[in-house]
Amino acid sequence: MLNTKRPLLVVYVLFLLLLSMFTARTVISDTFKVFREGVVRDLQGIAEKQAEVIGKYLENEKKNIKVAAYDLHRYYAKSDYMEALEYLVSVQNIYHYKEAFVANTAGNVVLSSDVDNARTNISSRQYFQKAKNGETFISDIIGSEVPIENENGQLELGMPTMFVSTPILNANAQILGVLVFRIDINQINTLMFKMNATDTAEIYLINKDGYMLTESRFTDALELGGLIEKRTTLELAVINPKTNSLTLAAKKCIAGGKGFNDSGYGYMDYRGTRVLGYWIFSRKTGVKAGGKRKNLWGTALKFLS
């Protein structure tokens, strides 16, 4: 009679081994899924709070310039330019603007806290045209068309800059001119949450073309790698280096809405690293452009997997 105990024992052991491997794999998969869901929930909360902070900041800037324009019209209406200039300088110092200036209805700058900007014409600038039409307007972050002070205290052409503008009205609601503040972009960088809990997480803003509007926490490494020259703002496009196209988060964010990559193990970021991330689309208040998603900011937050 054949002894079948040994073969049966081997089969039983193999069965237990395969069952253990399957169970372990299932447990690991389920554990990672729970971990990923927890991370995404955290990222979502942080990204939405960051978008809220930036939104409130922009709304406050619009309120500030409206108040300043109301106060300023008393001097401007009676051509008391000396007191008007003193008022401009005081507002600039209080709110830490790069520059404060006034243009007449023809777009000629008649008052400026920066003497080098006086007597220039801004009639072609969007922020002037919007304000002249009665709107309180916040521009995109763009490269400066005149040299302004950079991080090192040196004058630099093309420095990232941003404007808020509003009409100056008389008592009859007629437009006397346009008040403009040049916002210090560092003010926005200071509002960005510092993701110091890990060595890898970061949060940043992008524009409609996928370029960063704030500074990456990896700026030094990006500069050493030749991806940027001075800063990530307006220099670094959020591109997947393996596909040479915008990252998944950037594409989804620009397309509108909010979300995360809910399949696989994250997506490839602009450094060629696989990450978990969350993105949220945010249109600047009051900006519309024929239904197209122009003049938008997106918030992207990522956590390396």
Protein backbone atom coordinates (compact mmCIF):
# COMPACT_ATOMS: atom_id res chain seq x y z
CA MET A 1 0.00 0.00 0.00
CA LEU A 2 1.39 3.40 -1.01
CA ASN A 3 2.24 5.89 1.68
CA THR A 4 0.32 9.08 0.77
CA LYS A 5 0.93 10.99 3.97
CA ARG A 6 4.11 12.73 2.77
CA PRO A 7 2.64 14.03 -0.54
CA LEU A 8 -0.49 15.14 1.28
CA LEU A 9 1.63 16.89 3.88
CA VAL A 10 3.63 18.68 1.18
CA VAL A 11 0.45 19.77 -0.60
CA TYR A 12 -1.02 20.96 2.69
CA VAL A 13 2.12 22.96 3.53
CA LEU A 14 2.16 24.52 0.05
CA PHE A 15 -1.51 25.37 0.40
CA LEU A 16 -0.88 27.07 3.76
CA LEU A 17 2.11 28.93 2.30
CA LEU A 18 0.11 30.21 -0.68
CA LEU A 19 -2.77 31.13 1.59
CA SER A 20 -0.40 33.03 3.89
CA MET A 21 1.14 34.87 0.94
CA PHE A 22 -2.28 35.80 -0.43
CA THR A 23 -3.46 36.93 3.00
CA ALA A 24 -0.29 38.96 3.57
CA ARG A 25 -0.61 40.57 0.15
CA THR A 26 -4.25 41.41 0.80
CA VAL A 27 -3.44 42.85 4.23
CA ILE A 28 -0.57 44.92 2.81
CA SER A 29 -2.79 46.17 -0.03
CA ASP A 30 -5.61 47.05 2.36
CA THR A 31 -3.15 48.69 4.76
CA PHE A 32 -1.70 50.83 1.97
CA LYS A 33 -5.19 51.75 0.81
CA VAL A 34 -6.12 52.90 4.30
CA PHE A 35 -2.83 54.79 4.59
CA ARG A 36 -3.32 56.46 1.21
CA GLU A 37 -6.88 57.46 2.01
CA GLY A 38 -5.73 58.97 5.29
CA VAL A 39 -2.96 60.94 3.58
CA VAL A 40 -5.33 62.18 0.87
CA ARG A 41 -7.84 63.36 3.49
CA ASP A 42 -5.07 65.30 5.21
CA LEU A 43 -3.87 66.77 1.92
CA GLN A 44 -7.41 67.77 0.98
CA GLY A 45 -7.92 69.60 4.26
CA ILE A 46 -4.61 71.42 3.97
CA ALA A 47 -5.08 72.36 0.28
CA GLU A 48 -8.60 73.69 0.85
CA LYS A 49 -7.45 75.70 3.85
CA GLN A 50 -4.55 77.10 1.84
CA ALA A 51 -6.90 78.15 -0.96
CA GLU A 52 -9.12 79.82 1.63
CA VAL A 53 -6.17 81.74 3.10
CA ILE A 54 -5.07 83.00 -0.33
CA GLY A 55 -8.65 83.93 -1.24
CA LYS A 56 -9.09 85.97 1.94
CA TYR A 57 -5.78 87.70 1.34
CA LEU A 58 -6.84 88.78 -2.15
CA GLU A 59 -10.21 89.99 -0.89
CA ASN A 60 -8.49 92.03 1.83
CA GLU A 61 -6.23 93.63 -0.78
CA LYS A 62 -9.30 94.70 -2.74
CA LYS A 63 -10.85 96.19 0.40
CA ASN A 64 -7.62 97.99 1.29
CA ILE A 65 -7.31 99.70 -2.08
CA LYS A 66 -10.97 100.75 -2.10
CA VAL A 67 -10.51 102.45 1.27
CA ALA A 68 -7.29 104.09 0.09
CA ALA A 69 -8.95 105.35 -3.10
CA TYR A 70 -11.80 106.86 -1.08
CA ASP A 71 -9.36 108.65 1.22
CA LEU A 72 -7.14 109.70 -1.67
CA HIS A 73 -9.88 111.31 -3.78
CA ARG A 74 -10.13 114.22 -1.31
CA TYR A 75 -6.54 115.24 -2.10
CA TYR A 76 -6.65 114.28 -5.74
CA ALA A 77 -9.90 116.11 -6.48
CA LYS A 78 -8.45 119.43 -5.33
CA SER A 79 -5.06 118.78 -6.96
CA ASP A 80 -3.29 118.65 -3.61
CA TYR A 81 -0.64 116.34 -5.00
CA MET A 82 1.89 116.82 -2.22
CA GLU A 83 -0.48 115.52 0.45
CA ALA A 84 -1.72 112.85 -1.92
CA LEU A 85 1.84 111.61 -2.41
CA GLU A 86 2.47 111.61 1.34
CA TYR A 87 -0.67 109.54 1.77
CA LEU A 88 0.47 107.08 -0.92
CA VAL A 89 3.83 106.61 0.77
CA SER A 90 2.20 106.05 4.16
CA VAL A 91 -0.14 103.39 2.72
CA GLN A 92 2.79 101.69 0.99
CA ASN A 93 4.73 101.54 4.25
CA ILE A 94 1.78 100.26 6.27
CA TYR A 95 0.86 97.43 3.90
CA HIS A 96 4.40 96.73 2.60
CA TYR A 97 3.63 97.30 -1.07
CA LYS A 98 6.44 97.50 -3.57
CA GLU A 99 4.92 100.66 -5.04
CA ALA A 100 1.80 102.80 -4.94
CA PHE A 101 0.89 105.07 -7.83
CA VAL A 102 -1.91 107.02 -9.47
CA ALA A 103 -2.63 107.40 -13.18
CA ASN A 104 -4.99 109.89 -14.78
CA THR A 105 -7.75 108.77 -17.12
CA ALA A 106 -5.31 108.85 -20.05
CA GLY A 107 -3.07 106.33 -18.31
CA ASN A 108 -0.27 108.74 -17.46
CA VAL A 109 1.25 108.13 -14.02
CA VAL A 110 0.99 111.45 -12.18
CA LEU A 111 1.90 110.30 -8.67
CA SER A 112 4.15 107.45 -7.57
CA SER A 113 6.03 106.39 -4.48
CA ASP A 114 8.78 105.36 -6.94
CA VAL A 115 10.17 108.47 -8.64
CA ASP A 116 11.47 106.34 -11.54
CA ASN A 117 7.92 105.31 -12.42
CA ALA A 118 6.51 108.83 -12.58
CA ARG A 119 5.44 110.16 -15.98
CA THR A 120 5.14 106.69 -17.54
CA ASN A 121 2.02 105.60 -19.40
CA ILE A 122 0.11 102.46 -18.37
CA SER A 123 -2.94 102.83 -20.61
CA SER A 124 -2.25 99.48 -22.31
CA ARG A 125 -2.03 97.54 -19.05
CA GLN A 126 -4.96 95.32 -18.15
CA TYR A 127 -5.06 96.46 -14.54
CA PHE A 128 -5.47 100.08 -15.69
CA GLN A 129 -8.17 99.28 -18.24
CA LYS A 130 -10.15 97.22 -15.73
CA ALA A 131 -10.06 99.97 -13.11
CA LYS A 132 -10.89 102.66 -15.65
CA ASN A 133 -14.02 100.67 -16.44
CA GLY A 134 -15.00 100.79 -12.77
CA GLU A 135 -13.67 97.43 -11.56
CA THR A 136 -11.46 96.67 -8.58
CA PHE A 137 -9.03 94.27 -10.17
CA ILE A 138 -6.24 91.90 -9.14
CA SER A 139 -3.79 90.96 -11.86
CA ASP A 140 -2.01 87.70 -12.47
CA ILE A 141 1.51 87.31 -11.16
CA ILE A 142 3.56 88.44 -14.16
CA GLY A 143 7.09 89.48 -15.02
CA SER A 144 7.73 93.16 -14.34
CA GLU A 145 8.08 95.43 -17.36
CA VAL A 146 10.31 97.82 -15.43
CA PRO A 147 13.24 96.92 -13.16
CA ILE A 148 12.13 96.38 -9.56
CA GLU A 149 13.99 95.26 -6.47
CA ASN A 150 14.60 91.53 -6.18
CA GLU A 151 15.32 89.30 -3.16
CA ASN A 152 18.90 90.57 -2.99
CA GLY A 153 18.00 94.26 -3.08
CA GLN A 154 19.08 94.61 -6.72
CA LEU A 155 16.99 96.00 -9.56
CA GLU A 156 15.85 93.27 -11.92
CA LEU A 157 13.73 93.32 -15.07
CA GLY A 158 11.10 90.59 -15.30
CA MET A 159 10.80 90.12 -11.55
CA PRO A 160 7.54 88.39 -10.56
CA THR A 161 5.07 91.10 -9.67
CA MET A 162 1.36 91.62 -9.16
CA PHE A 163 -1.05 94.57 -9.17
CA VAL A 164 -4.31 95.53 -7.52
CA SER A 165 -6.14 98.51 -9.00
CA THR A 166 -9.34 100.48 -8.49
CA PRO A 167 -10.92 103.70 -9.80
CA ILE A 168 -10.66 106.96 -7.88
CA LEU A 169 -14.14 108.48 -7.87
CA ASN A 170 -15.37 111.98 -7.09
CA ALA A 171 -18.55 112.79 -5.15
CA ASN A 172 -20.61 112.25 -8.33
CA ALA A 173 -19.07 108.80 -8.95
CA GLN A 174 -17.07 110.10 -11.92
CA ILE A 175 -13.66 108.53 -12.45
CA LEU A 176 -10.82 110.93 -11.66
CA GLY A 177 -8.05 108.43 -12.14
CA VAL A 178 -6.81 104.96 -11.19
CA LEU A 179 -5.04 103.91 -8.00
CA VAL A 180 -2.60 100.99 -8.30
CA PHE A 181 -0.64 99.03 -5.70
CA ARG A 182 2.25 96.80 -6.72
CA ILE A 183 2.09 93.83 -4.34
CA ASP A 184 5.25 92.31 -2.90
CA ILE A 185 5.14 88.67 -4.05
CA ASN A 186 6.99 87.63 -0.91
CA GLN A 187 3.78 88.46 0.96
CA ILE A 188 2.12 85.56 -0.86
CA ASN A 189 5.05 83.23 -0.25
CA THR A 190 4.79 83.89 3.47
CA LEU A 191 1.14 82.81 3.35
CA MET A 192 2.02 79.39 1.96
CA PHE A 193 1.89 76.64 4.58
CA LYS A 194 5.27 75.26 5.60
CA MET A 195 5.05 71.47 5.26
CA ASN A 196 7.75 70.79 7.82
CA ALA A 197 6.17 67.64 9.23
CA THR A 198 7.96 65.65 6.51
CA ASP A 199 11.02 66.15 4.33
CA THR A 200 9.07 65.71 1.12
CA ALA A 201 5.65 67.37 1.25
CA GLU A 202 5.08 70.79 -0.30
CA ILE A 203 2.27 73.09 -1.41
CA TYR A 204 2.42 75.62 -4.22
CA LEU A 205 0.34 77.75 -6.58
CA ILE A 206 0.35 77.43 -10.37
CA ASN A 207 -1.10 79.58 -13.14
CA LYS A 208 -3.15 78.62 -16.20
CA ASP A 209 0.02 77.66 -18.09
CA GLY A 210 1.28 75.36 -15.35
CA TYR A 211 4.05 77.64 -14.08
CA MET A 212 4.68 77.95 -10.38
CA LEU A 213 3.57 81.20 -8.76
CA THR A 214 5.27 80.52 -5.45
CA GLU A 215 8.60 79.13 -4.33
CA SER A 216 9.25 75.40 -4.11
CA ARG A 217 10.87 73.99 -0.99
CA PHE A 218 13.34 72.32 -3.38
CA THR A 219 14.53 75.57 -4.98
CA ASP A 220 18.20 74.99 -4.12
CA ALA A 221 18.22 71.49 -5.62
CA LEU A 222 16.34 72.68 -8.72
CA GLU A 223 18.88 75.46 -9.22
CA LEU A 224 21.79 73.05 -8.85
CA GLY A 225 20.12 70.74 -11.37
CA GLY A 226 19.81 73.57 -13.89
CA LEU A 227 16.00 73.52 -13.92
CA ILE A 228 15.76 77.14 -12.78
CA GLU A 229 18.08 80.14 -12.80
CA LYS A 230 16.94 82.19 -9.80
CA ARG A 231 13.55 81.09 -8.51
CA THR A 232 10.66 78.77 -9.26
CA THR A 233 8.07 81.56 -9.58
CA LEU A 234 7.33 82.02 -13.31
CA GLU A 235 10.43 79.96 -14.17
CA LEU A 236 9.44 76.40 -13.37
CA ALA A 237 6.69 74.68 -15.31
CA VAL A 238 5.18 71.76 -13.38
CA ILE A 239 6.16 69.19 -16.02
CA ASN A 240 6.64 65.45 -15.76
CA PRO A 241 10.25 65.06 -17.00
CA LYS A 242 9.52 61.60 -18.43
CA THR A 243 6.63 62.76 -20.64
CA ASN A 244 7.65 66.42 -21.07
CA SER A 245 4.04 67.40 -20.40
CA LEU A 246 2.28 68.87 -17.39
CA THR A 247 1.96 66.58 -14.40
CA LEU A 248 -1.35 64.89 -13.74
CA ALA A 249 -2.09 67.28 -10.86
CA ALA A 250 -1.33 70.36 -12.99
CA LYS A 251 -3.53 69.15 -15.87
CA LYS A 252 -6.44 68.31 -13.60
CA CYS A 253 -6.11 71.52 -11.63
CA ILE A 254 -6.05 73.74 -14.72
CA ALA A 255 -9.04 71.86 -16.13
CA GLY A 256 -11.03 72.92 -13.05
CA GLY A 257 -12.34 71.32 -9.91
CA LYS A 258 -10.41 69.49 -7.24
CA GLY A 259 -9.29 65.97 -6.55
CA PHE A 260 -6.46 63.44 -6.35
CA ASN A 261 -5.14 60.43 -8.23
CA ASP A 262 -7.33 57.61 -6.97
CA SER A 263 -5.62 54.76 -8.78
CA GLY A 264 -2.19 53.17 -8.53
CA TYR A 265 0.59 54.59 -6.44
CA GLY A 266 0.32 58.30 -7.09
CA TYR A 267 1.68 60.23 -10.06
CA MET A 268 5.02 61.54 -11.32
CA ASP A 269 5.81 65.08 -10.17
CA TYR A 270 8.03 67.76 -11.72
CA ARG A 271 11.15 66.23 -10.13
CA GLY A 272 10.47 62.79 -11.59
CA THR A 273 9.38 61.43 -8.21
CA ARG A 274 6.20 59.44 -7.64
CA VAL A 275 3.92 61.27 -5.21
CA LEU A 276 0.48 61.32 -3.68
CA GLY A 277 -1.16 64.68 -4.21
CA TYR A 278 -4.29 66.80 -4.03
CA TRP A 279 -5.20 69.77 -6.20
CA ILE A 280 -7.85 72.46 -6.15
CA PHE A 281 -8.87 74.98 -8.82
CA SER A 282 -9.50 78.56 -7.73
CA ARG A 283 -10.58 81.42 -9.95
CA LYS A 284 -9.55 84.85 -8.75
CA THR A 285 -12.55 86.77 -7.52
CA GLY A 286 -14.30 88.84 -10.20
CA VAL A 287 -12.25 87.58 -13.13
CA LYS A 288 -14.08 86.25 -16.17
CA ALA A 289 -12.79 85.79 -19.69
CA GLY A 290 -15.47 84.53 -22.02
CA GLY A 291 -15.92 81.28 -20.14
CA LYS A 292 -12.29 80.26 -20.61
CA ARG A 293 -10.24 79.37 -17.58
CA LYS A 294 -7.89 82.29 -17.75
CA ASN A 295 -6.48 84.26 -14.82
CA LEU A 296 -6.72 81.32 -12.49
CA TRP A 297 -4.67 80.05 -9.66
CA GLY A 298 -4.50 76.43 -8.65
CA THR A 299 -3.30 74.99 -5.38
CA ALA A 300 -1.39 71.74 -5.51
CA LEU A 301 -0.18 69.80 -2.51
CA LYS A 302 1.88 66.66 -2.70
CA PHE A 303 3.30 64.04 -0.41
CA LEU A 304 5.97 61.66 -1.68
CA SER A 305 4.87 58.04 -1.62
